C-alpha atoms as a PDB file:
ATOM      1  CA  MET A   1      84.385   2.457  71.911  1.00  0.00           C
ATOM      2  CA  LYS A   2      86.572  -0.104  70.173  1.00  0.00           C
ATOM      3  CA  LEU A   3      84.974  -3.397  69.170  1.00  0.00           C
ATOM      4  CA  VAL A   4      86.915  -6.478  68.087  1.00  0.00           C
ATOM      5  CA  ARG A   5      86.427 -10.038  66.981  1.00  0.00           C
ATOM      6  CA  TYR A   6      89.044 -12.331  68.494  1.00  0.00           C
ATOM      7  CA  GLY A   7      90.091 -15.964  68.246  1.00  0.00           C
ATOM      8  CA  LYS A   8      90.808 -18.489  65.538  1.00  0.00           C
ATOM      9  CA  PRO A   9      89.659 -17.851  61.951  1.00  0.00           C
ATOM     10  CA  GLY A  10      85.999 -18.636  61.433  1.00  0.00           C
ATOM     11  CA  VAL A  11      85.145 -18.922  65.125  1.00  0.00           C
ATOM     12  CA  GLU A  12      85.882 -15.397  66.340  1.00  0.00           C
ATOM     13  CA  LYS A  13      84.059 -14.046  69.372  1.00  0.00           C
ATOM     14  CA  PRO A  14      82.913 -10.449  69.919  1.00  0.00           C
ATOM     15  CA  GLY A  15      84.918  -8.275  72.271  1.00  0.00           C
ATOM     16  CA  LEU A  16      85.363  -4.775  73.612  1.00  0.00           C
ATOM     17  CA  VAL A  17      88.729  -3.077  74.193  1.00  0.00           C
ATOM     18  CA  ASP A  18      88.873  -1.564  77.692  1.00  0.00           C
ATOM     19  CA  GLU A  19      90.756   1.560  78.807  1.00  0.00           C
ATOM     20  CA  ASN A  20      93.871  -0.520  79.506  1.00  0.00           C
ATOM     21  CA  GLY A  21      93.952  -1.985  76.001  1.00  0.00           C
ATOM     22  CA  ALA A  22      92.755  -5.425  77.113  1.00  0.00           C
ATOM     23  CA  VAL A  23      89.934  -7.309  75.414  1.00  0.00           C
ATOM     24  CA  ARG A  24      86.710  -7.970  77.301  1.00  0.00           C
ATOM     25  CA  ASP A  25      84.430 -10.770  76.152  1.00  0.00           C
ATOM     26  CA  LEU A  26      81.054  -9.638  74.756  1.00  0.00           C
ATOM     27  CA  SER A  27      79.779 -13.083  73.802  1.00  0.00           C
ATOM     28  CA  GLY A  28      77.405 -13.092  76.786  1.00  0.00           C
ATOM     29  CA  LYS A  29      75.767  -9.944  75.415  1.00  0.00           C
ATOM     30  CA  MET A  30      75.779 -10.535  71.647  1.00  0.00           C
ATOM     31  CA  THR A  31      76.570 -13.248  69.141  1.00  0.00           C
ATOM     32  CA  ASP A  32      78.863 -11.241  66.836  1.00  0.00           C
ATOM     33  CA  ILE A  33      79.983  -7.793  65.731  1.00  0.00           C
ATOM     34  CA  ALA A  34      77.783  -8.046  62.669  1.00  0.00           C
ATOM     35  CA  GLY A  35      74.478  -7.101  61.096  1.00  0.00           C
ATOM     36  CA  ALA A  36      71.802  -5.788  63.419  1.00  0.00           C
ATOM     37  CA  SER A  37      74.246  -5.603  66.339  1.00  0.00           C
ATOM     38  CA  LEU A  38      75.703  -2.555  64.606  1.00  0.00           C
ATOM     39  CA  ASN A  39      72.556  -0.411  64.471  1.00  0.00           C
ATOM     40  CA  ALA A  40      72.323   2.714  66.595  1.00  0.00           C
ATOM     41  CA  SER A  41      70.282   1.209  69.422  1.00  0.00           C
ATOM     42  CA  ALA A  42      72.463  -1.891  69.683  1.00  0.00           C
ATOM     43  CA  MET A  43      75.639   0.184  69.690  1.00  0.00           C
ATOM     44  CA  GLU A  44      74.230   2.396  72.428  1.00  0.00           C
ATOM     45  CA  ALA A  45      73.407  -0.685  74.534  1.00  0.00           C
ATOM     46  CA  ILE A  46      77.045  -1.816  74.244  1.00  0.00           C
ATOM     47  CA  ARG A  47      78.224   1.681  75.131  1.00  0.00           C
ATOM     48  CA  GLN A  48      76.253   1.546  78.373  1.00  0.00           C
ATOM     49  CA  LEU A  49      78.033  -1.598  79.544  1.00  0.00           C
ATOM     50  CA  ASP A  50      80.704  -1.389  82.233  1.00  0.00           C
ATOM     51  CA  PRO A  51      83.764  -3.023  80.618  1.00  0.00           C
ATOM     52  CA  SER A  52      85.068  -4.150  84.014  1.00  0.00           C
ATOM     53  CA  SER A  53      81.933  -6.268  84.426  1.00  0.00           C
ATOM     54  CA  LEU A  54      82.785  -8.294  81.316  1.00  0.00           C
ATOM     55  CA  PRO A  55      85.108 -11.330  81.365  1.00  0.00           C
ATOM     56  CA  LEU A  56      88.754 -10.491  80.703  1.00  0.00           C
ATOM     57  CA  VAL A  57      90.266 -12.229  77.677  1.00  0.00           C
ATOM     58  CA  GLU A  58      93.834 -13.376  78.240  1.00  0.00           C
ATOM     59  CA  GLY A  59      96.573 -12.130  75.949  1.00  0.00           C
ATOM     60  CA  LYS A  60      97.643  -8.807  74.471  1.00  0.00           C
ATOM     61  CA  PRO A  61      95.630  -8.140  71.315  1.00  0.00           C
ATOM     62  CA  GLN A  62      97.570  -8.431  68.036  1.00  0.00           C
ATOM     63  CA  THR A  63     100.567 -10.123  69.645  1.00  0.00           C
ATOM     64  CA  GLU A  64      99.373 -12.855  72.020  1.00  0.00           C
ATOM     65  CA  LEU A  65      95.731 -12.733  70.926  1.00  0.00           C
ATOM     66  CA  ARG A  66      94.718 -12.970  67.272  1.00  0.00           C
ATOM     67  CA  LEU A  67      92.146 -10.456  66.097  1.00  0.00           C
ATOM     68  CA  GLY A  68      89.872 -11.379  63.232  1.00  0.00           C
ATOM     69  CA  PRO A  69      88.169  -8.986  60.834  1.00  0.00           C
ATOM     70  CA  CYS A  70      86.489  -6.340  62.994  1.00  0.00           C
ATOM     71  CA  VAL A  71      83.125  -6.931  61.272  1.00  0.00           C
ATOM     72  CA  GLY A  72      81.632 -10.366  60.702  1.00  0.00           C
ATOM     73  CA  GLY A  73      79.158 -11.498  58.058  1.00  0.00           C
ATOM     74  CA  VAL A  74      79.849  -8.559  55.764  1.00  0.00           C
ATOM     75  CA  GLY A  75      77.171  -8.350  53.084  1.00  0.00           C
ATOM     76  CA  LYS A  76      78.807  -5.854  50.720  1.00  0.00           C
ATOM     77  CA  PHE A  77      82.419  -4.693  50.541  1.00  0.00           C
ATOM     78  CA  ILE A  78      82.112  -1.523  48.459  1.00  0.00           C
ATOM     79  CA  CYS A  79      85.180   0.426  47.342  1.00  0.00           C
ATOM     80  CA  ILE A  80      85.712   3.891  45.923  1.00  0.00           C
ATOM     81  CA  GLY A  81      88.414   4.381  43.297  1.00  0.00           C
ATOM     82  CA  LEU A  82      90.562   7.430  42.528  1.00  0.00           C
ATOM     83  CA  ASN A  83      89.176   9.393  45.488  1.00  0.00           C
ATOM     84  CA  TYR A  84      92.444  11.226  46.201  1.00  0.00           C
ATOM     85  CA  ALA A  85      93.529  13.704  43.529  1.00  0.00           C
ATOM     86  CA  ASP A  86      97.227  13.005  44.058  1.00  0.00           C
ATOM     87  CA  HIS A  87      96.704   9.237  43.790  1.00  0.00           C
ATOM     88  CA  ALA A  88      94.786   9.722  40.530  1.00  0.00           C
ATOM     89  CA  ALA A  89      97.725  11.761  39.225  1.00  0.00           C
ATOM     90  CA  GLU A  90     100.314   9.094  40.105  1.00  0.00           C
ATOM     91  CA  SER A  91      98.096   6.539  38.350  1.00  0.00           C
ATOM     92  CA  GLY A  92      97.998   8.712  35.234  1.00  0.00           C
ATOM     93  CA  LEU A  93      94.226   9.089  35.460  1.00  0.00           C
ATOM     94  CA  GLU A  94      91.824  12.028  35.631  1.00  0.00           C
ATOM     95  CA  ILE A  95      89.781  12.793  38.735  1.00  0.00           C
ATOM     96  CA  PRO A  96      86.426  11.171  37.956  1.00  0.00           C
ATOM     97  CA  PRO A  97      83.384  13.457  37.617  1.00  0.00           C
ATOM     98  CA  GLU A  98      81.486  11.015  39.866  1.00  0.00           C
ATOM     99  CA  PRO A  99      82.800   8.447  42.363  1.00  0.00           C
ATOM    100  CA  VAL A 100      84.153   5.216  40.874  1.00  0.00           C
ATOM    101  CA  ILE A 101      82.513   2.247  42.602  1.00  0.00           C
ATOM    102  CA  PHE A 102      83.871  -1.301  42.558  1.00  0.00           C
ATOM    103  CA  ASN A 103      83.639  -4.360  44.793  1.00  0.00           C
ATOM    104  CA  LYS A 104      85.927  -6.531  46.827  1.00  0.00           C
ATOM    105  CA  TRP A 105      84.440  -9.986  47.274  1.00  0.00           C
ATOM    106  CA  THR A 106      83.692 -10.792  50.900  1.00  0.00           C
ATOM    107  CA  SER A 107      85.835 -13.946  50.600  1.00  0.00           C
ATOM    108  CA  ALA A 108      88.834 -11.571  50.479  1.00  0.00           C
ATOM    109  CA  ILE A 109      88.249 -10.459  54.089  1.00  0.00           C
ATOM    110  CA  VAL A 110      90.845 -11.473  56.684  1.00  0.00           C
ATOM    111  CA  GLY A 111      92.063 -10.228  60.038  1.00  0.00           C
ATOM    112  CA  PRO A 112      94.288  -7.168  60.359  1.00  0.00           C
ATOM    113  CA  ASP A 113      97.460  -9.165  60.969  1.00  0.00           C
ATOM    114  CA  ASP A 114      96.739 -12.252  58.873  1.00  0.00           C
ATOM    115  CA  ASP A 115      99.047 -13.148  55.992  1.00  0.00           C
ATOM    116  CA  ILE A 116      98.530 -11.743  52.516  1.00  0.00           C
ATOM    117  CA  GLN A 117      98.774 -14.443  49.866  1.00  0.00           C
ATOM    118  CA  ILE A 118     100.155 -13.514  46.439  1.00  0.00           C
ATOM    119  CA  PRO A 119      97.783 -15.054  43.863  1.00  0.00           C
ATOM    120  CA  ARG A 120      98.874 -17.559  41.236  1.00  0.00           C
ATOM    121  CA  ASP A 121     100.316 -15.820  38.152  1.00  0.00           C
ATOM    122  CA  SER A 122     100.504 -12.462  39.937  1.00  0.00           C
ATOM    123  CA  THR A 123     103.167 -10.025  38.794  1.00  0.00           C
ATOM    124  CA  LYS A 124     101.788  -6.758  40.174  1.00  0.00           C
ATOM    125  CA  THR A 125     100.328  -7.188  43.675  1.00  0.00           C
ATOM    126  CA  ASP A 126     100.091  -3.779  45.356  1.00  0.00           C
ATOM    127  CA  TRP A 127      98.960  -2.109  48.603  1.00  0.00           C
ATOM    128  CA  GLU A 128      96.497   0.675  49.528  1.00  0.00           C
ATOM    129  CA  VAL A 129      95.786   2.026  53.029  1.00  0.00           C
ATOM    130  CA  GLU A 130      92.165   3.194  53.225  1.00  0.00           C
ATOM    131  CA  LEU A 131      89.538   4.458  55.651  1.00  0.00           C
ATOM    132  CA  GLY A 132      86.703   1.949  55.986  1.00  0.00           C
ATOM    133  CA  VAL A 133      83.199   3.125  56.889  1.00  0.00           C
ATOM    134  CA  VAL A 134      80.987   0.536  58.609  1.00  0.00           C
ATOM    135  CA  ILE A 135      77.241   0.863  58.062  1.00  0.00           C
ATOM    136  CA  GLY A 136      75.105   0.590  61.189  1.00  0.00           C
ATOM    137  CA  ASP A 137      71.581   1.483  60.069  1.00  0.00           C
ATOM    138  CA  ALA A 138      70.134   0.492  56.720  1.00  0.00           C
ATOM    139  CA  GLY A 139      69.122   3.043  54.135  1.00  0.00           C
ATOM    140  CA  SER A 140      68.607   3.823  50.485  1.00  0.00           C
ATOM    141  CA  TYR A 141      68.424   7.205  48.757  1.00  0.00           C
ATOM    142  CA  ILE A 142      70.037   8.676  51.852  1.00  0.00           C
ATOM    143  CA  ASP A 143      70.248  12.456  52.126  1.00  0.00           C
ATOM    144  CA  GLU A 144      73.824  13.659  52.471  1.00  0.00           C
ATOM    145  CA  ALA A 145      72.836  15.696  55.542  1.00  0.00           C
ATOM    146  CA  ASP A 146      71.591  12.510  57.253  1.00  0.00           C
ATOM    147  CA  ALA A 147      74.316  10.164  56.050  1.00  0.00           C
ATOM    148  CA  MET A 148      76.346   9.955  59.267  1.00  0.00           C
ATOM    149  CA  LYS A 149      73.261   8.680  61.105  1.00  0.00           C
ATOM    150  CA  HIS A 150      73.741   5.456  59.149  1.00  0.00           C
ATOM    151  CA  VAL A 151      77.371   4.957  60.245  1.00  0.00           C
ATOM    152  CA  ALA A 152      78.324   2.603  63.090  1.00  0.00           C
ATOM    153  CA  GLY A 153      82.016   3.425  62.977  1.00  0.00           C
ATOM    154  CA  PHE A 154      85.303   3.268  61.125  1.00  0.00           C
ATOM    155  CA  CYS A 155      88.205   0.891  60.573  1.00  0.00           C
ATOM    156  CA  VAL A 156      91.479   0.482  58.705  1.00  0.00           C
ATOM    157  CA  VAL A 157      91.355  -1.343  55.356  1.00  0.00           C
ATOM    158  CA  ASN A 158      94.268  -2.549  53.238  1.00  0.00           C
ATOM    159  CA  ASP A 159      92.812  -2.609  49.730  1.00  0.00           C
ATOM    160  CA  VAL A 160      95.346  -5.112  48.378  1.00  0.00           C
ATOM    161  CA  SER A 161      95.225  -5.030  44.578  1.00  0.00           C
ATOM    162  CA  GLU A 162      96.682  -7.017  41.691  1.00  0.00           C
ATOM    163  CA  ARG A 163      97.232  -4.343  39.045  1.00  0.00           C
ATOM    164  CA  GLU A 164      97.584  -6.607  36.015  1.00  0.00           C
ATOM    165  CA  PHE A 165      94.347  -8.403  36.890  1.00  0.00           C
ATOM    166  CA  GLN A 166      92.685  -5.047  37.650  1.00  0.00           C
ATOM    167  CA  ILE A 167      93.767  -3.012  34.628  1.00  0.00           C
ATOM    168  CA  GLU A 168      95.176  -5.258  31.903  1.00  0.00           C
ATOM    169  CA  ARG A 169      92.862  -8.290  31.861  1.00  0.00           C
ATOM    170  CA  SER A 170      89.851  -7.021  29.881  1.00  0.00           C
ATOM    171  CA  GLY A 171      87.270  -6.394  32.524  1.00  0.00           C
ATOM    172  CA  THR A 172      86.191  -4.436  35.545  1.00  0.00           C
ATOM    173  CA  TRP A 173      88.528  -3.587  38.402  1.00  0.00           C
ATOM    174  CA  ASP A 174      86.873  -6.249  40.546  1.00  0.00           C
ATOM    175  CA  LYS A 175      88.962  -9.164  39.253  1.00  0.00           C
ATOM    176  CA  GLY A 176      92.141  -7.574  40.637  1.00  0.00           C
ATOM    177  CA  LYS A 177      90.624  -6.510  43.943  1.00  0.00           C
ATOM    178  CA  GLY A 178      88.912  -9.522  45.460  1.00  0.00           C
ATOM    179  CA  CYS A 179      91.532 -12.278  45.559  1.00  0.00           C
ATOM    180  CA  ASP A 180      91.668 -14.270  48.798  1.00  0.00           C
ATOM    181  CA  THR A 181      93.346 -12.324  51.658  1.00  0.00           C
ATOM    182  CA  PHE A 182      93.072  -9.008  49.753  1.00  0.00           C
ATOM    183  CA  GLY A 183      90.805  -7.397  52.374  1.00  0.00           C
ATOM    184  CA  PRO A 184      92.361  -7.077  55.849  1.00  0.00           C
ATOM    185  CA  LEU A 185      89.909  -5.273  58.196  1.00  0.00           C
ATOM    186  CA  GLY A 186      90.640  -3.853  61.632  1.00  0.00           C
ATOM    187  CA  PRO A 187      92.197  -4.180  64.143  1.00  0.00           C
ATOM    188  CA  TRP A 188      89.049  -2.725  65.656  1.00  0.00           C
ATOM    189  CA  LEU A 189      85.801  -1.101  64.724  1.00  0.00           C
ATOM    190  CA  VAL A 190      85.933   2.355  66.328  1.00  0.00           C
ATOM    191  CA  SER A 191      82.501   3.825  67.010  1.00  0.00           C
ATOM    192  CA  LYS A 192      81.851   7.115  65.243  1.00  0.00           C
ATOM    193  CA  ASP A 193      81.556   9.083  68.490  1.00  0.00           C
ATOM    194  CA  GLU A 194      85.297   8.523  69.097  1.00  0.00           C
ATOM    195  CA  ILE A 195      86.301  10.125  65.797  1.00  0.00           C
ATOM    196  CA  ALA A 196      85.918  13.902  65.952  1.00  0.00           C
ATOM    197  CA  ASP A 197      86.398  14.405  62.203  1.00  0.00           C
ATOM    198  CA  CYS A 198      86.698  11.500  59.783  1.00  0.00           C
ATOM    199  CA  ASP A 199      87.823  13.991  57.134  1.00  0.00           C
ATOM    200  CA  ALA A 200      91.018  14.868  59.029  1.00  0.00           C
ATOM    201  CA  LEU A 201      92.737  11.559  59.785  1.00  0.00           C
ATOM    202  CA  ASP A 202      96.412  10.962  59.012  1.00  0.00           C
ATOM    203  CA  MET A 203      97.165   7.631  57.335  1.00  0.00           C
ATOM    204  CA  TRP A 204     100.349   5.794  56.379  1.00  0.00           C
ATOM    205  CA  LEU A 205     101.758   2.537  55.028  1.00  0.00           C
ATOM    206  CA  ASP A 206     105.258   1.013  55.224  1.00  0.00           C
ATOM    207  CA  VAL A 207     106.743  -1.954  53.365  1.00  0.00           C
ATOM    208  CA  ASP A 208     109.769  -3.501  55.092  1.00  0.00           C
ATOM    209  CA  GLY A 209     110.146  -0.347  57.148  1.00  0.00           C
ATOM    210  CA  LYS A 210     110.104   2.068  54.192  1.00  0.00           C
ATOM    211  CA  ARG A 211     107.346   4.683  54.242  1.00  0.00           C
ATOM    212  CA  TYR A 212     105.503   4.578  50.921  1.00  0.00           C
ATOM    213  CA  GLN A 213     102.149   6.155  51.754  1.00  0.00           C
ATOM    214  CA  SER A 214     101.687   9.204  53.951  1.00  0.00           C
ATOM    215  CA  GLY A 215      98.455  11.121  53.560  1.00  0.00           C
ATOM    216  CA  SER A 216      95.274  12.358  55.133  1.00  0.00           C
ATOM    217  CA  THR A 217      91.580  11.824  54.605  1.00  0.00           C
ATOM    218  CA  SER A 218      91.418  15.636  54.311  1.00  0.00           C
ATOM    219  CA  THR A 219      92.496  15.300  50.672  1.00  0.00           C
ATOM    220  CA  MET A 220      89.641  12.988  49.644  1.00  0.00           C
ATOM    221  CA  VAL A 221      87.808  14.305  46.588  1.00  0.00           C
ATOM    222  CA  TYR A 222      84.452  12.956  47.756  1.00  0.00           C
ATOM    223  CA  LYS A 223      83.868  13.030  51.522  1.00  0.00           C
ATOM    224  CA  VAL A 224      82.229  10.318  53.613  1.00  0.00           C
ATOM    225  CA  PRO A 225      78.670  11.761  53.809  1.00  0.00           C
ATOM    226  CA  PHE A 226      78.592  12.336  50.054  1.00  0.00           C
ATOM    227  CA  LEU A 227      79.887   8.824  49.366  1.00  0.00           C
ATOM    228  CA  LEU A 228      77.198   7.224  51.522  1.00  0.00           C
ATOM    229  CA  ALA A 229      74.466   9.259  49.873  1.00  0.00           C
ATOM    230  CA  TYR A 230      75.871   8.513  46.420  1.00  0.00           C
ATOM    231  CA  CYS A 231      76.262   4.765  46.928  1.00  0.00           C
ATOM    232  CA  SER A 232      72.751   4.523  48.361  1.00  0.00           C
ATOM    233  CA  ARG A 233      71.337   5.679  45.014  1.00  0.00           C
ATOM    234  CA  PHE A 234      72.476   2.429  43.427  1.00  0.00           C
ATOM    235  CA  MET A 235      71.999  -0.094  46.254  1.00  0.00           C
ATOM    236  CA  SER A 236      70.526  -0.217  49.721  1.00  0.00           C
ATOM    237  CA  LEU A 237      73.165   0.006  52.426  1.00  0.00           C
ATOM    238  CA  GLN A 238      72.753  -2.661  55.089  1.00  0.00           C
ATOM    239  CA  PRO A 239      74.134  -3.047  58.628  1.00  0.00           C
ATOM    240  CA  GLY A 240      77.646  -4.445  58.446  1.00  0.00           C
ATOM    241  CA  ASP A 241      78.346  -3.296  54.888  1.00  0.00           C
ATOM    242  CA  ILE A 242      81.806  -1.760  54.440  1.00  0.00           C
ATOM    243  CA  ILE A 243      82.649   1.221  52.239  1.00  0.00           C
ATOM    244  CA  SER A 244      86.377   1.629  51.634  1.00  0.00           C
ATOM    245  CA  THR A 245      86.919   5.242  50.641  1.00  0.00           C
ATOM    246  CA  GLY A 246      90.079   5.343  48.532  1.00  0.00           C
ATOM    247  CA  THR A 247      93.814   5.690  49.054  1.00  0.00           C
ATOM    248  CA  PRO A 248      96.375   8.514  49.100  1.00  0.00           C
ATOM    249  CA  PRO A 249      99.463   8.465  46.850  1.00  0.00           C
ATOM    250  CA  GLY A 250     102.387   6.133  47.369  1.00  0.00           C
ATOM    251  CA  VAL A 251     101.091   2.836  45.998  1.00  0.00           C
ATOM    252  CA  GLY A 252     103.563   0.485  44.341  1.00  0.00           C
ATOM    253  CA  MET A 253     102.175   1.167  40.872  1.00  0.00           C
ATOM    254  CA  GLY A 254     103.025   4.850  41.303  1.00  0.00           C
ATOM    255  CA  GLN A 255     106.721   4.346  42.107  1.00  0.00           C
ATOM    256  CA  LYS A 256     109.346   5.050  39.467  1.00  0.00           C
ATOM    257  CA  PRO A 257     110.036   2.293  38.616  1.00  0.00           C
ATOM    258  CA  PRO A 258     106.963   0.492  40.018  1.00  0.00           C
ATOM    259  CA  VAL A 259     107.432  -1.657  43.115  1.00  0.00           C
ATOM    260  CA  TYR A 260     105.264  -4.736  43.636  1.00  0.00           C
ATOM    261  CA  LEU A 261     104.953  -7.398  46.311  1.00  0.00           C
ATOM    262  CA  ARG A 262     106.663 -10.712  45.560  1.00  0.00           C
ATOM    263  CA  GLY A 263     106.488 -12.497  48.906  1.00  0.00           C
ATOM    264  CA  GLY A 264     108.598 -12.155  52.024  1.00  0.00           C
ATOM    265  CA  GLU A 265     107.708  -8.521  52.716  1.00  0.00           C
ATOM    266  CA  THR A 266     106.142  -7.109  55.873  1.00  0.00           C
ATOM    267  CA  ILE A 267     103.463  -4.428  55.503  1.00  0.00           C
ATOM    268  CA  ARG A 268     102.478  -2.083  58.346  1.00  0.00           C
ATOM    269  CA  LEU A 269      99.737   0.471  57.947  1.00  0.00           C
ATOM    270  CA  GLY A 270      97.571   2.623  60.143  1.00  0.00           C
ATOM    271  CA  ILE A 271      95.166   5.523  60.518  1.00  0.00           C
ATOM    272  CA  ASP A 272      95.032   7.930  63.439  1.00  0.00           C
ATOM    273  CA  GLY A 273      92.683   6.651  66.118  1.00  0.00           C
ATOM    274  CA  LEU A 274      91.871   3.466  64.218  1.00  0.00           C
ATOM    275  CA  GLY A 275      94.899   1.290  64.958  1.00  0.00           C
ATOM    276  CA  VAL A 276      97.628  -0.475  63.034  1.00  0.00           C
ATOM    277  CA  GLN A 277      97.738  -3.578  60.833  1.00  0.00           C
ATOM    278  CA  THR A 278     100.799  -5.778  60.213  1.00  0.00           C
ATOM    279  CA  GLN A 279     100.854  -8.385  57.441  1.00  0.00           C
ATOM    280  CA  SER A 280     103.419 -10.856  56.170  1.00  0.00           C
ATOM    281  CA  VAL A 281     103.286 -11.362  52.419  1.00  0.00           C
ATOM    282  CA  LYS A 282     103.494 -14.968  51.219  1.00  0.00           C
ATOM    283  CA  ALA A 283     104.533 -16.006  47.730  1.00  0.00           C
ATOM    284  CA  PHE A 284     102.247 -18.396  45.829  1.00  0.00           C
ATOM    285  CA  THR A 285     103.493 -21.941  46.423  1.00  0.00           C
ATOM    286  CA  HIS A 286     100.805 -24.304  45.120  1.00  0.00           C
END
């Protein structure tokens, strides 16, 4: 089951992608792909619907029909740092003995194909393709063995990052991670039953047609169930929260010499079974 939010920014409607790749309108059944609509019982109710009985939305998604972030009203946008050993190595950092947790501000969230805006004074804006885990059922102090019961599904995340702000500006990583437009989500939220093994998904990212990142979730240091259990020790996880699980090697910072976004580039990224994002990068102009 693939769920989407479609329409103009800020007024997106909930939708379901049918077997032909068309969007069906869910607004008669639910108000949004958000919060309590993502718990297990609500997701099962959507699964029982006949897509052909829902109104057809005109336009091919991602070309003729804009898709918004695949989850609305996100409460927490939690990220895991240095969760791929080879990415840690290219960053010149040790594999952490426990997961590194940081935040992207929810104001960074945009649709999968919306523009990325280079921030004022940026010199080192970078890219990161990541697997996003969408929480469906709330929990705290979750047992690792039960962790997947709390998952609604998965999505693609581009963890756009300004490396100078993140690393060189005397503070936590957060200041380089949460700039406006730095959190494209989608194109769709894929329910967990469609993903046979979230620890074996190929992922990639291109800039202007050049492949920079090519990896697999199989090389994550800390796997999804462990990450959910770990994060839930420090905060309750709520329906609609997003956990972005880290990136494989190939980021701009790791190139020799480093390569950063300046404006004018096109980024394409994707994960097997979860779809593709395409973003135009815009230079700061005001």
